[in-house]
Protein backbone atom coordinates (compact mmCIF):
# COMPACT_ATOMS: atom_id res chain seq x y z
CA MET A 1 -10.31 -4.22 -12.93
CA GLY A 2 -7.00 -3.12 -15.19
CA GLU A 3 -8.69 0.45 -16.21
CA ALA A 4 -9.80 0.79 -12.78
CA LYS A 5 -6.22 0.48 -11.32
CA ASN A 6 -5.34 2.76 -13.94
CA LYS A 7 -7.39 5.31 -13.12
CA GLN A 8 -6.21 5.24 -9.52
CA GLU A 9 -2.70 5.35 -10.21
CA HIS A 10 -3.19 8.87 -12.45
CA GLN A 11 -5.08 10.06 -9.51
CA ASN A 12 -2.54 9.15 -7.09
CA LEU A 13 0.22 10.58 -9.19
CA TRP A 14 -2.20 14.21 -9.36
CA LEU A 15 -2.97 14.43 -5.98
CA VAL A 16 0.84 14.07 -5.21
CA VAL A 17 1.53 16.80 -7.64
CA ALA A 18 -1.06 19.17 -5.69
CA ILE A 19 0.07 18.82 -2.51
CA SER A 20 4.08 19.66 -3.43
CA SER A 21 2.45 22.37 -5.09
CA ALA A 22 -0.02 24.01 -2.65
CA VAL A 23 3.35 23.66 -0.14
CA ALA A 24 6.02 25.35 -2.64
CA LEU A 25 2.97 28.06 -3.03
CA ALA A 26 2.95 28.91 0.26
CA ALA A 27 6.31 28.57 1.21
CA LEU A 28 7.43 30.95 -2.03
CA VAL A 29 4.29 33.71 -1.34
CA SER A 30 6.12 33.07 2.88
CA GLU A 31 9.02 33.62 1.86
CA ILE A 32 8.80 36.29 -0.47
CA ARG A 33 6.63 38.75 2.30
CA ALA A 34 9.67 38.27 4.68
CA ASN A 35 12.49 39.37 2.57
CA TYR A 36 11.26 39.79 -1.49
CA PRO A 37 9.37 42.74 -1.22
CA GLU A 38 10.28 43.09 -5.20
CA LYS A 39 7.55 41.95 -7.40
CA THR A 40 10.19 40.80 -10.35
CA PRO A 41 8.97 39.47 -13.53
CA SER A 42 10.24 36.23 -11.89
CA VAL A 43 9.08 36.41 -8.43
CA LYS A 44 5.00 37.01 -10.62
CA TYR A 45 5.63 33.55 -12.65
CA LEU A 46 7.26 31.37 -9.85
CA VAL A 47 3.89 32.60 -8.18
CA SER A 48 1.71 32.19 -11.04
CA ALA A 49 3.30 28.78 -12.18
CA THR A 50 2.99 27.10 -8.60
CA ALA A 51 -0.82 28.33 -8.01
CA ILE A 52 -1.73 26.91 -11.69
CA THR A 53 -0.10 23.34 -11.57
CA THR A 54 -1.92 23.54 -7.59
CA GLY A 55 -5.49 23.97 -9.77
CA VAL A 56 -4.68 21.74 -12.78
CA ALA A 57 -3.09 19.00 -10.63
CA ALA A 58 -6.30 19.30 -7.82
CA LEU A 59 -9.01 19.45 -10.21
CA TYR A 60 -7.48 15.80 -11.83
CA ALA A 61 -7.25 14.32 -8.83
CA LEU A 62 -11.06 15.53 -8.84
CA PHE A 63 -11.71 13.92 -12.17
CA HIS A 64 -10.75 10.22 -11.89
CA SER A 65 -13.41 10.24 -9.12
CA PHE A 66 -16.62 11.42 -10.92
CA LYS A 67 -17.89 9.80 -14.07
CA ALA A 68 -19.34 13.11 -14.76
CA PHE A 69 -15.98 14.52 -15.43
CA ALA A 70 -14.71 11.80 -18.33
CA PHE A 71 -14.53 14.25 -21.01
CA MET A 72 -11.80 16.16 -19.20
CA LEU A 73 -10.16 12.63 -19.45
CA LYS A 74 -9.87 13.05 -23.07
CA ILE A 75 -7.34 16.11 -22.84
CA GLU A 76 -5.43 14.80 -19.12
CA ALA A 77 -1.93 14.33 -21.49
CA PHE A 78 -2.18 18.45 -22.61
CA PHE A 79 -2.93 19.28 -19.65
CA ALA A 80 -0.65 16.91 -17.97
CA PHE A 81 2.17 18.53 -20.37
CA SER A 82 1.40 22.23 -19.56
CA ASN A 83 2.51 21.14 -15.85
CA LEU A 84 5.22 19.55 -16.62
CA VAL A 85 6.53 22.75 -18.78
CA LEU A 86 5.60 25.23 -16.06
CA TRP A 87 7.70 23.23 -13.17
CA VAL A 88 10.65 23.16 -15.82
CA LEU A 89 10.65 26.55 -16.39
CA ALA A 90 9.53 27.57 -12.55
CA ILE A 91 12.89 25.70 -11.67
CA ALA A 92 15.40 27.22 -13.83
CA VAL A 93 13.50 31.06 -12.52
CA LEU A 94 13.72 29.60 -8.87
CA PHE A 95 17.32 28.65 -9.17
CA HIS A 96 18.65 30.93 -11.77
CA LYS A 97 16.69 34.20 -11.75
CA THR A 98 16.03 34.48 -7.94
CA ASP A 99 17.77 33.29 -4.22
CA LEU A 100 14.72 32.39 -2.81
CA ALA A 101 15.28 29.29 -2.01
CA THR A 102 18.92 28.86 -1.84
CA SER A 103 21.38 31.83 -0.44
CA ASP A 104 22.68 34.31 -2.42
CA THR A 105 26.06 34.66 -1.40
CA ALA A 106 26.34 30.64 -1.86
CA PRO A 107 23.86 28.93 -4.63
CA ASN A 108 24.67 25.60 -3.06
CA THR A 109 23.21 26.50 -0.33
CA VAL A 110 19.13 25.55 1.17
CA THR A 111 18.03 28.70 2.69
CA ASN A 112 14.34 27.90 2.29
CA ALA A 113 13.67 24.02 3.10
CA ASN A 114 9.72 23.46 2.21
CA LEU A 115 10.39 25.63 -1.53
CA TYR A 116 13.14 23.78 -1.84
CA TYR A 117 12.38 20.00 -2.04
CA PHE A 118 8.79 20.68 -2.61
CA SER A 119 9.56 22.58 -5.64
CA TRP A 120 11.72 19.26 -6.86
CA LEU A 121 8.98 17.11 -5.65
CA GLY A 122 6.45 19.09 -7.88
CA LEU A 123 8.81 18.71 -10.90
CA ILE A 124 9.53 15.23 -10.19
CA PHE A 125 5.85 13.87 -9.99
CA SER A 126 5.06 16.01 -13.08
CA CYS A 127 7.49 14.05 -15.39
CA LEU A 128 6.00 10.78 -13.92
CA VAL A 129 2.43 11.94 -14.95
CA PHE A 130 3.72 13.04 -18.17
CA GLY A 131 5.20 9.71 -18.51
CA LYS A 132 2.32 7.83 -17.47
CA MET A 133 0.32 9.52 -19.99
CA LEU A 134 3.11 8.42 -22.68
CA ASP A 135 3.58 4.80 -21.44
CA ASP A 136 -0.49 4.59 -21.34
CA LYS A 137 -1.75 5.90 -24.75
CA HIS A 138 1.16 5.92 -27.20
CA PRO A 139 2.00 2.88 -29.32
CA TRP A 140 5.83 3.77 -29.32
CA PHE A 141 6.57 3.33 -25.64
CA GLU A 142 5.11 -0.70 -25.88
CA ASN A 143 8.05 -2.73 -25.74
CA LEU A 144 10.29 -0.61 -24.73
CA THR A 145 13.89 -1.62 -22.43
CA SER A 146 12.72 -1.31 -18.84
CA ARG A 147 15.45 1.03 -18.11
CA PHE A 148 14.10 3.84 -20.65
CA ASN A 149 12.81 5.53 -18.02
CA MET A 150 15.99 5.24 -15.51
CA TRP A 151 17.90 7.05 -18.48
CA GLY A 152 15.65 9.95 -18.76
CA LEU A 153 16.22 10.07 -15.43
CA LEU A 154 20.30 10.27 -15.44
CA VAL A 155 19.53 12.85 -18.69
CA LEU A 156 17.80 14.66 -15.74
CA THR A 157 20.58 14.71 -12.64
CA SER A 158 23.32 15.27 -15.16
CA ILE A 159 21.78 18.76 -16.61
CA VAL A 160 20.54 19.16 -12.77
CA SER A 161 24.30 18.87 -12.30
CA MET A 162 25.35 21.08 -15.36
CA ALA A 163 23.21 23.77 -14.59
CA SER A 164 24.34 23.76 -10.68
CA GLY A 165 27.98 23.62 -11.64
CA THR A 166 27.37 26.67 -14.23
CA ASN A 167 26.18 28.85 -11.39
CA TRP A 168 28.89 28.26 -9.44
CA TRP A 169 31.48 28.41 -11.90
CA ARG A 170 29.98 32.27 -12.65
CA ASP A 171 30.18 33.05 -9.08
CA SER A 172 32.97 32.41 -8.56
CA SER A 173 34.72 34.31 -11.06
CA CYS A 174 36.42 31.61 -12.72
CA LYS A 175 35.46 33.12 -16.31
CA SER A 176 37.80 36.27 -15.83
CA ALA A 177 40.50 34.51 -13.40
CA THR A 178 43.91 35.02 -14.84
CA THR A 179 45.16 31.34 -13.17
CA LYS A 180 42.09 28.53 -12.56
CA THR A 181 41.91 27.53 -8.81
CA THR A 182 41.12 24.12 -7.92
CA THR A 183 37.83 24.56 -7.77
CA CYS A 184 37.37 26.41 -11.21
CA GLN A 185 39.22 23.28 -12.87
CA ASN A 186 36.70 20.98 -10.77
CA LEU A 187 34.05 22.83 -11.89
CA GLU A 188 34.75 22.86 -15.82
CA LEU A 189 35.63 19.13 -15.10
CA ALA A 190 31.90 18.42 -14.08
CA PHE A 191 30.32 20.53 -16.48
CA ALA A 192 32.51 18.08 -19.06
CA PHE A 193 31.29 14.87 -17.47
CA GLY A 194 27.39 15.65 -17.19
CA ALA A 195 27.62 17.19 -20.89
CA ILE A 196 28.88 13.94 -22.08
CA VAL A 197 26.86 11.52 -19.81
CA ALA A 198 23.17 13.63 -20.58
CA GLY A 199 24.43 13.34 -24.08
CA LEU A 200 24.56 9.33 -24.11
CA SER A 201 21.76 8.81 -21.82
CA LEU A 202 19.63 10.97 -24.51
CA ILE A 203 21.20 8.88 -27.27
CA THR A 204 20.13 5.53 -25.45
CA MET A 205 16.61 6.97 -25.18
CA MET A 206 16.16 7.30 -28.69
CA ALA A 207 17.81 4.41 -29.73
CA ALA A 208 15.52 2.08 -27.60
CA PHE A 209 12.82 3.36 -30.39
CA CYS A 210 14.69 2.05 -33.38
CA MET A 211 16.37 -1.41 -31.38
CA LYS A 212 13.67 -2.64 -30.18
CA GLU A 213 14.45 -5.93 -32.01
CA ARG A 214 18.35 -5.66 -31.66
CA LYS A 215 18.17 -6.64 -27.75
CA ASN A 216 21.85 -7.83 -27.75
CA ILE A 217 22.99 -5.08 -29.68
CA MET A 218 21.01 -2.73 -27.44
CA ILE A 219 22.17 -4.39 -23.95
CA MET A 220 26.10 -4.10 -25.06
CA TRP A 221 25.47 -0.47 -26.11
CA GLU A 222 23.48 0.17 -22.54
CA ALA A 223 26.22 -1.16 -20.30
CA PHE A 224 28.88 0.91 -22.44
CA VAL A 225 27.07 4.15 -21.27
CA ALA A 226 26.26 2.80 -17.81
CA VAL A 227 30.43 2.22 -17.59
CA VAL A 228 30.89 5.17 -19.10
CA GLY A 229 28.62 7.28 -16.47
CA VAL A 230 29.56 5.45 -13.24
CA VAL A 231 33.48 6.15 -14.21
CA LEU A 232 32.83 9.83 -15.00
CA TRP A 233 29.91 10.65 -11.87
CA ALA A 234 32.38 8.48 -9.27
CA SER A 235 35.19 11.06 -10.99
CA ALA A 236 33.03 14.32 -10.27
CA THR A 237 31.78 13.12 -6.94
CA ARG A 238 35.52 12.40 -5.49
CA ARG A 239 36.24 16.21 -6.71
CA LEU A 240 33.10 18.13 -6.03
CA THR A 241 32.17 16.32 -2.82
CA GLN A 242 35.31 16.41 -0.53
CA PRO A 243 35.69 19.25 2.19
CA ASN A 244 35.95 22.58 1.03
CA ALA A 245 35.03 21.71 -2.67
CA PRO A 246 31.59 23.55 -4.27
CA ALA A 247 29.38 19.97 -3.44
CA SER A 248 30.55 20.05 0.25
CA THR A 249 27.30 21.37 1.38
CA ILE A 250 23.76 20.65 1.24
CA GLY A 251 22.09 22.13 -2.41
CA ASN A 252 21.46 20.84 -6.00
CA LEU A 253 25.25 19.89 -7.02
CA TYR A 254 25.40 17.73 -3.80
CA TYR A 255 22.60 16.17 -4.47
CA PHE A 256 22.48 15.98 -8.37
CA THR A 257 26.23 14.94 -8.17
CA TRP A 258 25.31 11.91 -5.98
CA LEU A 259 21.86 10.95 -7.58
CA SER A 260 24.05 11.04 -10.84
CA LEU A 261 26.63 8.42 -9.71
CA LEU A 262 24.03 6.32 -8.05
CA VAL A 263 21.83 6.17 -11.17
CA SER A 264 24.70 5.31 -13.08
CA ILE A 265 25.54 2.36 -11.02
CA MET A 266 21.81 1.12 -10.84
CA LEU A 267 21.78 1.28 -14.82
CA LEU A 268 25.15 -0.69 -14.95
CA TRP A 269 23.93 -3.67 -12.44
CA ASP A 270 20.73 -4.13 -14.24
CA THR A 271 22.22 -4.43 -17.26
CA ILE A 272 24.94 -6.66 -16.46
CA VAL A 273 22.38 -8.65 -14.66
CA GLU A 274 20.07 -8.86 -18.04
CA LYS A 275 22.83 -9.34 -20.14
CA PHE A 276 24.30 -12.70 -17.83
CA LYS A 277 20.25 -14.02 -16.59
CA PRO A 278 20.56 -18.05 -17.20
CA ALA A 279 18.58 -18.43 -20.77
CA CYS A 280 17.35 -20.92 -19.05
CA ASP A 281 14.91 -18.61 -17.20
CA SER A 282 13.78 -17.10 -20.38
CA ASP A 283 13.01 -20.25 -21.57
CA THR A 284 10.82 -21.15 -18.44
CA GLU A 285 8.71 -18.35 -18.96
CA ALA A 286 8.13 -18.76 -22.53
CA ALA A 287 7.32 -22.53 -21.88
CA GLU A 288 4.81 -21.53 -19.31
CA VAL A 289 3.32 -18.65 -21.71
CA VAL A 290 2.70 -21.37 -24.77
CA ASN A 291 1.16 -23.83 -22.08
CA GLU A 292 -1.44 -21.96 -20.91
CA GLU A 293 -2.12 -20.56 -24.34
CA MET A 294 -2.41 -24.85 -25.60
CA GLU A 295 -4.67 -24.48 -22.28
CA ALA A 296 -6.74 -22.51 -22.82
CA LYS A 297 -7.47 -23.42 -26.22
CA SER A 298 -8.03 -26.80 -25.98
CA THR A 299 -10.25 -26.31 -22.84
CA PRO A 300 -13.59 -26.96 -24.26
CA PRO A 301 -16.63 -24.29 -23.90
CA PRO A 302 -18.71 -24.39 -21.82
CA GLU A 303 -21.96 -26.56 -22.71
CA ALA A 304 -24.89 -24.38 -22.80
CA ALA A 305 -27.83 -25.67 -20.75
CA MET A 306 -30.55 -27.55 -21.67
CA PRO A 307 -33.89 -26.95 -21.64
CA GLU A 308 -36.21 -28.39 -19.23
CA THR A 309 -39.04 -30.77 -20.64
CA GLN A 310 -42.03 -31.45 -18.77
CA ALA A 311 -43.43 -34.57 -18.42
CA VAL A 312 -46.06 -35.71 -21.55
CA PRO A 313 -48.81 -38.00 -20.00
CA VAL A 314 -49.78 -41.14 -21.56
CA GLY A 315 -51.95 -40.63 -25.08
CA GLU A 316 -51.03 -36.76 -24.83
CA THR A 317 -48.96 -35.53 -27.51
CA GLN A 318 -45.86 -32.89 -26.38
CA VAL A 319 -46.59 -29.88 -28.65
């Protein structure tokens, strides 16, 4: 039953990747035909990457439905990783080498919503597919903190915010400016904050492997990093999303600045709840588990059915 549920989860994730990639591919082709006649290497890569990820995801969504293709599931993790790499590079090319999804004059303004949103969905669900592979098959990922994936998400949102801010910083000519404007100062602060939070979050993820048995120390470290994330991203959000600021319009910088703050708040809340969780709750849960195990051991196995004996007439001997 558990294996069937696991396969269903894999199939659902692959299906979402296939749909997201297909919509992104259709939006990409339409945008190229309408406004981007030049077939540059960046454009060619985007078309190839979205087509490949669509095909791979659709095939694996089908492979989980037919036993005849069970042998392909043995190399599923390889294709999940390949899809993830293709999407990471595609997102970098899309937002840093082309203006297919955002305005060329204002990098933070979305001009092609389908391409923008479904490209991000393709990347996010490719991450989830690969994470599911690791969680199912690699023993290192057993008994990790429940917030491990959330820390990974904070690393991602912080890096994207840094990259988006760098675009604005470059396009605003902040490097060559003799006197730095408020916009340039805010972008530089956001870049520094993002680097600090991403670095600390990455350290937290690595520490989760080394401190599985030292939960008290780990929870204190997580709480400290979460507090730093909340303070820094709250300051960055206030500076970047105020009127006439770089992230005052819809785009990568707006979304991922807010996402970084929200994820930091969620992590801080979760660490506080776990730290101050009443000890009686965990003791009760442990006692229940022990009682169930003892009952299972004390329950005698079912007796085998006795063979039926036939009545033997008087004077005859049973053979």
